[in-house]
Structure formats: structure tokens, C-alpha cells
Amino acid sequence: MKKVSKLLKRVLLAGVAAAMVISAAGCGSSGGTQSTSAIDKIKEKGVLTLATASGYPPYEFVSSADNGEVIGIDVALAQKVADKIGVPLKVDDMAFSELITTLQSGNCDIVIAGLPETEERAQAVDFSKVYLNDKQSIIVRAEDAGKYSSLSDFSGKKVAVEMGSSSETVARDEMPGADIVSLSLISDVFLELENGSVDAVVTGEVVGKQYMISNSALTQLDIPFQNSDKPASAAVQKGNTELLDIVNSVIDEVSSDGTMDSWVEEYSQKASENAQ
């Protein structure tokens, strides 16, 4: 009986040891419970997908000189992030108002589109450091410039803004009595102004200058907003700290070595040439 008992113990111990080996192997395999990092997922996919909204030069715009590709400061920044990860960049162009929901749904990896962080947006996605700070501005037809000397002069006037933008927020908050017209595309916003369908446009100074270069009939007013800052940050999915750390490191790099300043100059020039 003792021999049988010892044999039984050996069998049981061997079974337990085998089960532990199988369990350990399962946890380390791709079919186990080990999670794949966000960066590994991007590498497995083989591409970093950027969601942006063109028509917002020099941040992003469709370049006739580059076979209709979307180029600009934001695309250059995204390319740097893709290079850091070691994958190609894919650019998905869409309406500005669709960017956050596209990111939340996982249909892109990152949003860079001159996008300011807001309290509401920060509840849905995570934001990087500010990579470029612009100022809100008012653009009107040059022939109408003499009509306006303060924000209150826009009461009863139609003011066009890009839907979902910080310019829309500041216009609604600081232009009492104005009829705010929100449109999906910034290009349509300026088209409405040029056609006389609206009286003014509120947008960032950098973007406004590009449209004034292409149309000398437009001018910028020297009327400040109280909340004039228009900071731009990149956005990633909520909790994706691994990708966010890479984005922030790239922003630090291009901000400190002068690359960002050179991009602003380069793409402002390209946008001007593209508009002619």
C-alpha cells in the first residue's frame, strides 16, 4: 500500500507541475491574457493613422503641388511621431466636427488639427502639450471694415465659424446679439464671407492670414477678444499614455530645436503659393 501511495503522489505532483507549465505558456502567448501595448498595436497594424481637417492652412491643406495630398504643420508633426514609432503615416481628412468621435471609436490613432483642449473634450480624449499658440481674429470684407470698432457692433450681424472650433465658442460668448453661423469646413466659412452671405468670420490669425493672401478684398480687424488664445494640442484616446508620451517628447524636440518655427514659415509659404 505504501508503494501505491508513493506512486500516486508522484503522479499527482507531475500533473500539477504540467498544469503550471501549460498555464505559464498560455499567459505568455498571443492567445493568453497578456495585453498588447498601444504602440505594439500600431506596429502590428503597420501604420499610424492621423485624423485631421484640411482647408485650415498652414496647419493642414490640400496641396495642388503635391498631387492633392494633405500637407501642413500638423501633418509634419504627425509624421515625426510616426517616424519615432517606426511606421508610415496615413492621413484621414474629414470635417472638424467628426474628429473627436472618430478618435473615440478607434478609427484613428491621433488627432492633430489645430485643436485646442477644452474641459468637455478632455473628458472624452487625452491632450498633449500645446505645440502652437495662435490668437482669435475677426476677418471682414475690406469695404466693410469701417463699420466695426467693438464686438458689440456685430449685434444683428451674421458671423461664420468652423463648427466645433474654439472660434465658435469665443464668438458665441463674446459677440452679443450676433447671429453665429456654424459650418463644417473652414473653406466654406470663408466662401460665405466672400459671397456676402455673412458679415464676418472668426478664426485663428495664422489661418486668417492665409485666406487674406489669396483674397485681397478681405481684412483683419484690430478688435481683441477677452479669451483670445487659440492653443493647439494633439489628442489621443483616453488612457493611451504610451502614445501620449511619445507625442509630448516629439513636441518638446521640435519646439526646442527650431523645427516648429521652420514648419510655420515653410507651410505658410507653401499655403500662399497654393492659394495663387
Protein backbone atom coordinates (compact mmCIF):
# COMPACT_ATOMS: atom_id res chain seq x y z
CA MET A 1 0.00 0.00 0.00
CA LYS A 2 2.92 2.30 0.75
CA LYS A 3 4.34 1.75 -2.74
CA VAL A 4 1.00 2.55 -4.31
CA SER A 5 0.65 5.69 -2.18
CA LYS A 6 4.10 6.96 -3.20
CA LEU A 7 3.32 6.28 -6.86
CA LEU A 8 0.02 8.14 -6.59
CA LYS A 9 1.78 11.14 -5.04
CA ARG A 10 4.31 11.22 -7.85
CA VAL A 11 1.55 11.13 -10.48
CA LEU A 12 -0.33 13.94 -8.77
CA LEU A 13 2.76 16.11 -8.42
CA ALA A 14 3.67 15.56 -12.07
CA GLY A 15 0.16 16.60 -13.09
CA VAL A 16 0.30 19.81 -11.04
CA ALA A 17 3.71 20.69 -12.50
CA ALA A 18 2.48 20.11 -16.05
CA ALA A 19 -0.57 22.28 -15.42
CA MET A 20 1.65 25.11 -14.15
CA VAL A 21 3.86 24.90 -17.24
CA ILE A 22 0.84 24.99 -19.56
CA SER A 23 -0.65 27.92 -17.63
CA ALA A 24 2.61 29.89 -17.78
CA ALA A 25 2.96 29.22 -21.50
CA GLY A 26 -0.62 30.33 -22.11
CA CYS A 27 -0.09 33.66 -20.32
CA GLY A 28 2.97 34.41 -22.41
CA SER A 29 1.38 33.62 -25.76
CA SER A 30 -0.61 35.91 -28.04
CA GLY A 31 -3.72 33.93 -27.26
CA GLY A 32 -3.37 34.42 -23.50
CA THR A 33 -4.28 37.23 -21.16
CA GLN A 34 -1.13 39.30 -21.67
CA SER A 35 -2.15 42.70 -23.01
CA THR A 36 -0.52 44.25 -26.08
CA SER A 37 0.73 47.81 -25.64
CA ALA A 38 -0.75 50.67 -27.64
CA ILE A 39 2.49 51.16 -29.55
CA ASP A 40 2.78 47.43 -30.31
CA LYS A 41 -0.75 47.52 -31.73
CA ILE A 42 0.23 50.40 -34.04
CA LYS A 43 3.33 48.49 -35.12
CA GLU A 44 1.29 45.34 -35.76
CA LYS A 45 -1.16 47.39 -37.81
CA GLY A 46 1.83 48.82 -39.67
CA VAL A 47 0.64 52.43 -39.83
CA LEU A 48 -0.11 55.47 -37.64
CA THR A 49 -3.49 56.90 -38.66
CA LEU A 50 -3.92 60.66 -38.33
CA ALA A 51 -7.36 62.29 -38.40
CA THR A 52 -7.31 65.95 -39.45
CA ALA A 53 -9.45 68.56 -41.21
CA SER A 54 -7.94 70.21 -44.28
CA GLY A 55 -8.74 73.71 -45.51
CA TYR A 56 -7.01 75.14 -42.44
CA PRO A 57 -3.72 76.46 -43.83
CA PRO A 58 -0.94 76.37 -42.79
CA TYR A 59 -1.96 73.72 -40.24
CA GLU A 60 -3.34 71.39 -42.92
CA PHE A 61 -4.42 71.94 -46.50
CA VAL A 62 -4.75 70.11 -49.80
CA SER A 63 -1.67 70.87 -51.88
CA SER A 64 -2.05 71.06 -55.65
CA ALA A 65 1.75 70.83 -55.90
CA ASP A 66 1.78 67.50 -54.03
CA ASN A 67 -0.75 65.51 -56.07
CA GLY A 68 -3.66 66.67 -53.92
CA GLU A 69 -2.16 65.36 -50.69
CA VAL A 70 -2.95 66.95 -47.34
CA ILE A 71 0.17 68.70 -46.01
CA GLY A 72 0.92 71.29 -43.33
CA ILE A 73 2.31 71.85 -39.84
CA ASP A 74 0.04 69.24 -38.25
CA VAL A 75 0.84 66.57 -40.83
CA ALA A 76 4.57 67.24 -40.38
CA LEU A 77 4.17 66.82 -36.61
CA ALA A 78 2.26 63.55 -37.08
CA GLN A 79 4.96 62.32 -39.46
CA LYS A 80 7.58 62.92 -36.76
CA VAL A 81 5.51 60.82 -34.33
CA ALA A 82 5.17 58.04 -36.93
CA ASP A 83 8.93 58.14 -37.54
CA LYS A 84 9.56 57.84 -33.81
CA ILE A 85 7.35 54.72 -33.66
CA GLY A 86 8.83 53.35 -36.89
CA VAL A 87 5.73 53.11 -39.09
CA PRO A 88 4.35 55.02 -42.11
CA LEU A 89 1.76 57.77 -41.65
CA LYS A 90 -1.79 57.55 -43.04
CA VAL A 91 -3.82 60.79 -43.22
CA ASP A 92 -7.62 60.70 -42.97
CA ASP A 93 -9.19 64.03 -43.94
CA MET A 94 -12.65 64.82 -42.52
CA ALA A 95 -14.88 67.54 -41.10
CA PHE A 96 -13.51 69.14 -37.93
CA SER A 97 -16.66 68.23 -36.00
CA GLU A 98 -16.04 64.50 -36.66
CA LEU A 99 -12.51 64.34 -35.26
CA ILE A 100 -13.20 63.52 -31.60
CA THR A 101 -15.82 60.85 -32.30
CA THR A 102 -13.50 59.25 -34.87
CA LEU A 103 -10.74 59.07 -32.26
CA GLN A 104 -13.08 57.72 -29.57
CA SER A 105 -14.31 54.97 -31.89
CA GLY A 106 -10.75 53.81 -32.58
CA ASN A 107 -10.89 54.66 -36.29
CA CYS A 108 -7.72 56.73 -35.95
CA ASP A 109 -4.74 56.77 -33.59
CA ILE A 110 -4.23 60.50 -33.21
CA VAL A 111 -5.93 63.82 -33.98
CA ILE A 112 -3.86 66.86 -34.91
CA ALA A 113 -5.88 69.69 -36.41
CA GLY A 114 -5.13 72.98 -34.67
CA LEU A 115 -7.28 71.55 -31.88
CA PRO A 116 -7.46 73.41 -28.54
CA GLU A 117 -8.09 71.46 -25.36
CA THR A 118 -11.40 72.21 -23.65
CA GLU A 119 -12.92 70.83 -20.47
CA GLU A 120 -15.58 68.99 -22.46
CA ARG A 121 -13.10 67.46 -24.93
CA ALA A 122 -10.74 66.46 -22.12
CA GLN A 123 -13.49 64.24 -20.72
CA ALA A 124 -13.53 62.30 -23.99
CA VAL A 125 -9.86 62.18 -25.06
CA ASP A 126 -6.39 62.97 -23.70
CA PHE A 127 -4.45 66.01 -24.90
CA SER A 128 -0.77 66.61 -25.46
CA LYS A 129 1.23 69.69 -24.59
CA VAL A 130 0.49 72.80 -26.64
CA TYR A 131 2.61 72.75 -29.80
CA LEU A 132 1.48 76.08 -31.28
CA ASN A 133 -0.41 79.04 -29.80
CA ASP A 134 -2.48 81.25 -32.08
CA LYS A 135 -4.87 84.16 -31.44
CA GLN A 136 -8.53 84.51 -32.35
CA SER A 137 -9.22 87.13 -35.03
CA ILE A 138 -12.11 88.70 -36.93
CA ILE A 139 -11.97 88.84 -40.73
CA VAL A 140 -14.37 91.01 -42.75
CA ARG A 141 -14.60 92.35 -46.29
CA ALA A 142 -12.22 95.31 -46.53
CA GLU A 143 -15.03 97.59 -47.77
CA ASP A 144 -16.93 96.96 -44.50
CA ALA A 145 -14.04 97.41 -42.06
CA GLY A 146 -15.11 100.94 -41.07
CA LYS A 147 -18.42 99.63 -39.70
CA TYR A 148 -16.84 97.87 -36.74
CA SER A 149 -14.90 99.20 -33.75
CA SER A 150 -16.05 96.84 -30.99
CA LEU A 151 -17.50 93.35 -30.56
CA SER A 152 -20.93 94.82 -29.79
CA ASP A 153 -21.04 96.25 -33.34
CA PHE A 154 -21.68 92.72 -34.59
CA SER A 155 -25.09 92.57 -32.92
CA GLY A 156 -27.56 91.52 -35.61
CA LYS A 157 -24.73 90.58 -38.00
CA LYS A 158 -24.01 87.11 -39.36
CA VAL A 159 -20.67 85.73 -38.17
CA ALA A 160 -19.38 82.48 -39.68
CA VAL A 161 -17.24 80.00 -37.71
CA GLU A 162 -16.00 76.45 -38.09
CA MET A 163 -18.33 74.08 -36.29
CA GLY A 164 -16.93 72.68 -33.04
CA SER A 165 -13.94 75.03 -33.01
CA SER A 166 -12.73 77.32 -30.22
CA SER A 167 -13.54 80.20 -32.58
CA GLU A 168 -17.19 79.15 -32.44
CA THR A 169 -17.05 79.20 -28.64
CA VAL A 170 -15.45 82.63 -28.35
CA ALA A 171 -17.81 84.12 -30.95
CA ARG A 172 -20.88 82.84 -29.08
CA ASP A 173 -19.50 84.00 -25.74
CA GLU A 174 -18.16 87.44 -26.67
CA MET A 175 -20.19 88.73 -29.64
CA PRO A 176 -23.54 89.63 -28.02
CA GLY A 177 -26.50 89.58 -30.37
CA ALA A 178 -24.53 88.22 -33.32
CA ASP A 179 -26.08 85.51 -35.50
CA ILE A 180 -23.44 82.77 -35.35
CA VAL A 181 -23.36 80.61 -38.49
CA SER A 182 -21.53 77.30 -37.85
CA LEU A 183 -20.23 75.41 -40.89
CA SER A 184 -18.37 72.09 -41.11
CA LEU A 185 -15.48 73.31 -43.29
CA ILE A 186 -13.31 76.40 -42.77
CA SER A 187 -13.15 76.83 -46.55
CA ASP A 188 -16.95 77.16 -46.62
CA VAL A 189 -16.76 79.71 -43.80
CA PHE A 190 -14.60 82.00 -45.94
CA LEU A 191 -16.62 81.29 -49.07
CA GLU A 192 -19.73 82.59 -47.29
CA LEU A 193 -17.84 85.78 -46.39
CA GLU A 194 -16.54 86.28 -49.92
CA ASN A 195 -20.03 85.73 -51.34
CA GLY A 196 -21.55 88.27 -48.95
CA SER A 197 -23.73 85.66 -47.21
CA VAL A 198 -22.18 86.53 -43.83
CA ASP A 199 -20.67 89.72 -42.46
CA ALA A 200 -17.59 88.35 -40.70
CA VAL A 201 -15.51 85.28 -39.88
CA VAL A 202 -13.88 84.39 -36.58
CA THR A 203 -10.80 82.17 -36.87
CA GLY A 204 -7.14 81.99 -35.85
CA GLU A 205 -4.80 84.73 -37.03
CA VAL A 206 -2.43 82.29 -38.73
CA VAL A 207 -5.27 80.76 -40.76
CA GLY A 208 -6.91 84.11 -41.45
CA LYS A 209 -3.69 85.49 -42.95
CA GLN A 210 -3.60 82.65 -45.47
CA TYR A 211 -7.09 83.43 -46.74
CA MET A 212 -6.33 87.16 -46.90
CA ILE A 213 -3.28 86.43 -49.04
CA SER A 214 -5.47 84.65 -51.56
CA ASN A 215 -8.16 87.35 -51.45
CA SER A 216 -7.08 90.99 -51.04
CA ALA A 217 -10.72 92.00 -50.58
CA LEU A 218 -10.57 90.60 -47.02
CA THR A 219 -9.00 92.26 -43.99
CA GLN A 220 -8.45 91.54 -40.31
CA LEU A 221 -9.95 93.84 -37.68
CA ASP A 222 -7.98 95.12 -34.69
CA ILE A 223 -10.69 94.14 -32.23
CA PRO A 224 -9.44 91.84 -29.45
CA PHE A 225 -11.33 89.09 -27.69
CA GLN A 226 -11.08 88.70 -23.93
CA ASN A 227 -10.27 85.00 -24.39
CA SER A 228 -8.13 85.36 -27.48
CA ASP A 229 -5.74 82.44 -27.03
CA LYS A 230 -6.13 79.62 -29.52
CA PRO A 231 -3.66 76.95 -28.38
CA ALA A 232 -3.29 73.80 -30.47
CA SER A 233 -2.69 70.33 -28.99
CA ALA A 234 -2.70 66.78 -30.31
CA ALA A 235 -5.27 64.29 -28.98
CA VAL A 236 -5.13 60.54 -28.37
CA GLN A 237 -7.61 58.02 -27.00
CA LYS A 238 -8.39 58.31 -23.30
CA GLY A 239 -5.78 56.47 -21.25
CA ASN A 240 -3.29 55.98 -24.09
CA THR A 241 -0.38 57.33 -22.06
CA GLU A 242 2.20 55.41 -24.08
CA LEU A 243 1.39 57.20 -27.33
CA LEU A 244 0.86 60.49 -25.49
CA ASP A 245 4.36 60.30 -24.01
CA ILE A 246 5.83 59.87 -27.50
CA VAL A 247 3.79 62.80 -28.85
CA ASN A 248 4.91 65.05 -25.98
CA SER A 249 8.55 64.07 -26.49
CA VAL A 250 8.28 64.97 -30.19
CA ILE A 251 6.65 68.32 -29.32
CA ASP A 252 9.49 69.07 -26.88
CA GLU A 253 12.02 68.20 -29.57
CA VAL A 254 10.56 70.27 -32.42
CA SER A 255 9.84 73.21 -30.11
CA SER A 256 13.37 73.36 -28.69
CA ASP A 257 15.38 72.83 -31.87
CA GLY A 258 13.53 75.38 -34.02
CA THR A 259 11.74 72.82 -36.21
CA MET A 260 8.27 74.10 -35.31
CA ASP A 261 9.22 77.67 -36.24
CA SER A 262 10.62 76.44 -39.55
CA TRP A 263 7.41 74.50 -40.23
CA VAL A 264 5.29 77.61 -39.63
CA GLU A 265 7.40 79.53 -42.14
CA GLU A 266 7.62 76.68 -44.65
CA TYR A 267 3.94 75.78 -44.73
CA SER A 268 2.77 79.40 -44.60
CA GLN A 269 4.79 79.97 -47.76
CA LYS A 270 3.50 76.77 -49.39
CA ALA A 271 -0.08 77.64 -48.47
CA SER A 272 0.33 81.09 -50.01
CA GLU A 273 1.71 79.61 -53.22
CA ASN A 274 -1.06 77.01 -53.21
CA ALA A 275 -3.70 79.71 -52.99
CA GLN A 276 -2.42 81.64 -56.00
